[in-house]
Amino acid sequence: MKIRELLKTPEKWTRGTFAKGIRGDSVHFASKHAVCWCLMGAVYQCYPTNIIETTEKLATALKCPFQELAAWNDAHSHAEVLALVEKLDL
């Protein structure tokens, strides 16, 4: 699954944690209880064997260190996150 498919609606996206459960509590990104993910949680969920390559692709596109990707997610809208992953075909 691609990130754009996982985060296709605002309800599937979150800020402040890699993933949330149905009650809004933080859960592990791979938990069966996860219902929404931030950009980095989606990277881990969708590309578990290509995490480094995917984060490097995102960091290069944003011209920021990969350590700042979660903060970038939190500072932007769902539409901006979705536009980025669509542009990068993630």
N, C-alpha and C. Protein backbone atom coordinates (compact mmCIF):
# COMPACT_ATOMS: atom_id res chain seq x y z
N MET A 1 0.85 -1.18 0.00
CA MET A 1 0.00 0.00 0.00
C MET A 1 0.89 1.24 0.00
N LYS A 2 0.47 2.24 -0.73
CA LYS A 2 1.20 3.50 -0.77
C LYS A 2 0.68 4.43 0.33
N ILE A 3 1.53 5.36 0.73
CA ILE A 3 1.17 6.31 1.78
C ILE A 3 -0.07 7.11 1.38
N ARG A 4 -0.13 7.53 0.13
CA ARG A 4 -1.29 8.34 -0.30
C ARG A 4 -2.60 7.57 -0.16
N GLU A 5 -2.55 6.24 -0.28
CA GLU A 5 -3.75 5.43 -0.09
C GLU A 5 -4.10 5.32 1.39
N LEU A 6 -3.06 5.15 2.23
CA LEU A 6 -3.29 5.03 3.67
C LEU A 6 -3.85 6.32 4.25
N LEU A 7 -3.34 7.46 3.79
CA LEU A 7 -3.73 8.77 4.33
C LEU A 7 -4.73 9.50 3.44
N LYS A 8 -5.50 8.77 2.67
CA LYS A 8 -6.34 9.38 1.63
C LYS A 8 -7.39 10.37 2.13
N THR A 9 -7.82 10.26 3.36
CA THR A 9 -8.79 11.21 3.91
C THR A 9 -8.22 11.83 5.18
N PRO A 10 -8.69 13.02 5.53
CA PRO A 10 -8.18 13.67 6.75
C PRO A 10 -8.37 12.81 8.01
N GLU A 11 -9.40 11.99 8.03
CA GLU A 11 -9.65 11.13 9.19
C GLU A 11 -8.59 10.05 9.35
N LYS A 12 -7.85 9.75 8.30
CA LYS A 12 -6.80 8.73 8.34
C LYS A 12 -5.43 9.32 8.70
N TRP A 13 -5.37 10.62 8.93
CA TRP A 13 -4.12 11.34 9.20
C TRP A 13 -4.15 11.93 10.60
N THR A 14 -2.97 12.04 11.21
CA THR A 14 -2.90 12.63 12.54
C THR A 14 -1.63 13.43 12.72
N ARG A 15 -1.57 14.13 13.82
CA ARG A 15 -0.39 14.90 14.24
C ARG A 15 0.00 14.46 15.64
N GLY A 16 1.26 14.70 16.00
CA GLY A 16 1.70 14.53 17.39
C GLY A 16 2.08 13.12 17.82
N THR A 17 1.79 12.14 17.02
CA THR A 17 2.13 10.75 17.32
C THR A 17 2.14 9.98 16.01
N PHE A 18 2.84 8.86 15.98
CA PHE A 18 2.93 8.09 14.74
C PHE A 18 1.60 7.47 14.34
N ALA A 19 0.77 7.13 15.32
CA ALA A 19 -0.54 6.54 15.01
C ALA A 19 -1.47 6.70 16.21
N LYS A 20 -2.76 6.70 15.90
CA LYS A 20 -3.79 6.77 16.95
C LYS A 20 -4.82 5.68 16.74
N GLY A 21 -5.40 5.27 17.86
CA GLY A 21 -6.50 4.32 17.82
C GLY A 21 -7.83 5.03 17.69
N ILE A 22 -8.90 4.30 17.67
CA ILE A 22 -10.24 4.84 17.46
C ILE A 22 -10.64 5.85 18.55
N ARG A 23 -10.10 5.69 19.75
CA ARG A 23 -10.41 6.61 20.86
C ARG A 23 -9.48 7.82 20.91
N GLY A 24 -8.58 7.92 19.93
CA GLY A 24 -7.66 9.04 19.88
C GLY A 24 -6.39 8.84 20.70
N ASP A 25 -6.21 7.63 21.22
CA ASP A 25 -5.02 7.33 22.02
C ASP A 25 -3.88 6.94 21.09
N SER A 26 -2.65 7.24 21.51
CA SER A 26 -1.47 6.84 20.74
C SER A 26 -1.34 5.33 20.76
N VAL A 27 -1.08 4.76 19.59
CA VAL A 27 -0.84 3.33 19.46
C VAL A 27 0.36 3.14 18.54
N HIS A 28 0.93 1.96 18.56
CA HIS A 28 2.03 1.63 17.66
C HIS A 28 1.54 1.71 16.22
N PHE A 29 2.38 2.21 15.33
CA PHE A 29 1.97 2.39 13.93
C PHE A 29 1.51 1.09 13.27
N ALA A 30 2.00 -0.05 13.75
CA ALA A 30 1.61 -1.33 13.15
C ALA A 30 0.50 -2.04 13.93
N SER A 31 -0.03 -1.37 14.95
CA SER A 31 -1.08 -1.97 15.76
C SER A 31 -2.35 -2.21 14.94
N LYS A 32 -3.02 -3.30 15.25
CA LYS A 32 -4.30 -3.56 14.58
C LYS A 32 -5.35 -2.54 15.01
N HIS A 33 -5.06 -1.79 16.06
CA HIS A 33 -5.98 -0.77 16.55
C HIS A 33 -5.73 0.61 15.93
N ALA A 34 -4.66 0.75 15.15
CA ALA A 34 -4.36 2.03 14.51
C ALA A 34 -5.40 2.35 13.45
N VAL A 35 -5.91 3.58 13.48
CA VAL A 35 -6.89 4.01 12.49
C VAL A 35 -6.44 5.26 11.73
N CYS A 36 -5.39 5.93 12.23
CA CYS A 36 -4.84 7.08 11.53
C CYS A 36 -3.35 7.19 11.86
N TRP A 37 -2.60 7.79 10.92
CA TRP A 37 -1.16 7.85 11.02
C TRP A 37 -0.66 9.23 10.63
N CYS A 38 0.50 9.61 11.19
CA CYS A 38 1.18 10.80 10.71
C CYS A 38 2.05 10.38 9.52
N LEU A 39 2.72 11.30 8.90
CA LEU A 39 3.55 10.99 7.75
C LEU A 39 4.58 9.91 8.08
N MET A 40 5.27 10.04 9.22
CA MET A 40 6.30 9.05 9.56
C MET A 40 5.69 7.71 9.95
N GLY A 41 4.59 7.72 10.64
CA GLY A 41 3.91 6.46 10.94
C GLY A 41 3.50 5.76 9.67
N ALA A 42 3.07 6.53 8.68
CA ALA A 42 2.69 5.97 7.39
C ALA A 42 3.89 5.41 6.65
N VAL A 43 5.04 6.07 6.76
CA VAL A 43 6.27 5.54 6.15
C VAL A 43 6.57 4.17 6.73
N TYR A 44 6.57 4.08 8.05
CA TYR A 44 6.87 2.80 8.71
C TYR A 44 5.83 1.73 8.37
N GLN A 45 4.58 2.12 8.27
CA GLN A 45 3.50 1.18 7.96
C GLN A 45 3.56 0.69 6.51
N CYS A 46 3.82 1.62 5.59
CA CYS A 46 3.75 1.28 4.17
C CYS A 46 5.06 0.78 3.57
N TYR A 47 6.18 1.21 4.13
CA TYR A 47 7.48 0.87 3.56
C TYR A 47 8.43 0.31 4.62
N PRO A 48 8.03 -0.73 5.33
CA PRO A 48 8.86 -1.23 6.43
C PRO A 48 10.24 -1.72 6.01
N THR A 49 10.40 -2.14 4.77
CA THR A 49 11.71 -2.60 4.33
C THR A 49 12.50 -1.52 3.59
N ASN A 50 11.89 -0.38 3.37
CA ASN A 50 12.54 0.73 2.66
C ASN A 50 12.44 2.04 3.43
N ILE A 51 12.50 1.97 4.74
CA ILE A 51 12.33 3.17 5.57
C ILE A 51 13.39 4.21 5.27
N ILE A 52 14.63 3.80 5.21
CA ILE A 52 15.72 4.76 4.99
C ILE A 52 15.58 5.45 3.64
N GLU A 53 15.35 4.68 2.60
CA GLU A 53 15.21 5.26 1.26
C GLU A 53 14.02 6.20 1.19
N THR A 54 12.92 5.82 1.81
CA THR A 54 11.71 6.65 1.77
C THR A 54 11.90 7.93 2.56
N THR A 55 12.49 7.85 3.75
CA THR A 55 12.71 9.08 4.53
C THR A 55 13.72 9.99 3.85
N GLU A 56 14.72 9.42 3.19
CA GLU A 56 15.68 10.24 2.45
C GLU A 56 14.99 10.96 1.28
N LYS A 57 14.09 10.27 0.62
CA LYS A 57 13.34 10.87 -0.49
C LYS A 57 12.50 12.05 0.01
N LEU A 58 11.83 11.86 1.13
CA LEU A 58 11.02 12.93 1.72
C LEU A 58 11.90 14.09 2.18
N ALA A 59 12.98 13.79 2.88
CA ALA A 59 13.87 14.83 3.40
C ALA A 59 14.49 15.63 2.26
N THR A 60 14.88 14.96 1.19
CA THR A 60 15.45 15.66 0.04
C THR A 60 14.42 16.59 -0.59
N ALA A 61 13.20 16.12 -0.76
CA ALA A 61 12.15 16.94 -1.35
C ALA A 61 11.84 18.16 -0.49
N LEU A 62 11.90 17.99 0.82
CA LEU A 62 11.58 19.09 1.74
C LEU A 62 12.81 19.92 2.12
N LYS A 63 13.98 19.45 1.71
CA LYS A 63 15.24 20.12 2.04
C LYS A 63 15.40 20.28 3.55
N CYS A 64 15.17 19.17 4.25
CA CYS A 64 15.31 19.18 5.70
C CYS A 64 15.91 17.85 6.14
N PRO A 65 16.51 17.81 7.33
CA PRO A 65 17.01 16.53 7.85
C PRO A 65 15.84 15.58 8.10
N PHE A 66 16.08 14.29 7.93
CA PHE A 66 14.99 13.33 8.12
C PHE A 66 14.44 13.37 9.54
N GLN A 67 15.23 13.81 10.50
CA GLN A 67 14.77 13.90 11.89
C GLN A 67 13.66 14.94 12.05
N GLU A 68 13.48 15.81 11.07
CA GLU A 68 12.47 16.87 11.15
C GLU A 68 11.18 16.53 10.40
N LEU A 69 11.09 15.34 9.85
CA LEU A 69 9.90 14.98 9.07
C LEU A 69 8.64 14.93 9.92
N ALA A 70 8.74 14.42 11.13
CA ALA A 70 7.56 14.37 12.00
C ALA A 70 7.10 15.79 12.36
N ALA A 71 8.07 16.67 12.62
CA ALA A 71 7.71 18.07 12.92
C ALA A 71 7.11 18.75 11.70
N TRP A 72 7.60 18.42 10.51
CA TRP A 72 7.02 18.97 9.28
C TRP A 72 5.56 18.55 9.17
N ASN A 73 5.30 17.26 9.40
CA ASN A 73 3.92 16.75 9.37
C ASN A 73 3.04 17.56 10.32
N ASP A 74 3.51 17.76 11.53
CA ASP A 74 2.71 18.43 12.56
C ASP A 74 2.45 19.90 12.24
N ALA A 75 3.32 20.51 11.42
CA ALA A 75 3.18 21.93 11.09
C ALA A 75 2.40 22.17 9.79
N HIS A 76 1.96 21.10 9.16
CA HIS A 76 1.27 21.24 7.87
C HIS A 76 -0.09 20.57 7.90
N SER A 77 -0.86 20.85 6.88
CA SER A 77 -2.22 20.30 6.78
C SER A 77 -2.22 18.94 6.11
N HIS A 78 -3.33 18.25 6.25
CA HIS A 78 -3.50 16.97 5.56
C HIS A 78 -3.32 17.15 4.06
N ALA A 79 -3.88 18.20 3.50
CA ALA A 79 -3.77 18.45 2.06
C ALA A 79 -2.32 18.61 1.64
N GLU A 80 -1.52 19.29 2.44
CA GLU A 80 -0.11 19.48 2.11
C GLU A 80 0.67 18.16 2.20
N VAL A 81 0.36 17.36 3.22
CA VAL A 81 1.01 16.05 3.36
C VAL A 81 0.64 15.18 2.17
N LEU A 82 -0.62 15.13 1.85
CA LEU A 82 -1.09 14.31 0.72
C LEU A 82 -0.48 14.78 -0.60
N ALA A 83 -0.39 16.09 -0.81
CA ALA A 83 0.22 16.62 -2.03
C ALA A 83 1.69 16.20 -2.14
N LEU A 84 2.40 16.21 -1.02
CA LEU A 84 3.80 15.80 -1.02
C LEU A 84 3.94 14.33 -1.41
N VAL A 85 3.17 13.45 -0.78
CA VAL A 85 3.33 12.03 -1.07
C VAL A 85 2.83 11.69 -2.48
N GLU A 86 1.86 12.43 -2.99
CA GLU A 86 1.43 12.22 -4.37
C GLU A 86 2.51 12.66 -5.34
N LYS A 87 3.12 13.81 -5.06
CA LYS A 87 4.21 14.33 -5.91
C LYS A 87 5.37 13.33 -5.97
N LEU A 88 5.67 12.69 -4.84
CA LEU A 88 6.79 11.75 -4.77
C LEU A 88 6.39 10.32 -5.10
N ASP A 89 5.13 10.11 -5.42
CA ASP A 89 4.60 8.80 -5.75
C ASP A 89 4.83 7.79 -4.61
N LEU A 90 4.50 8.23 -3.41
CA LEU A 90 4.66 7.37 -2.23
C LEU A 90 3.30 6.89 -1.74
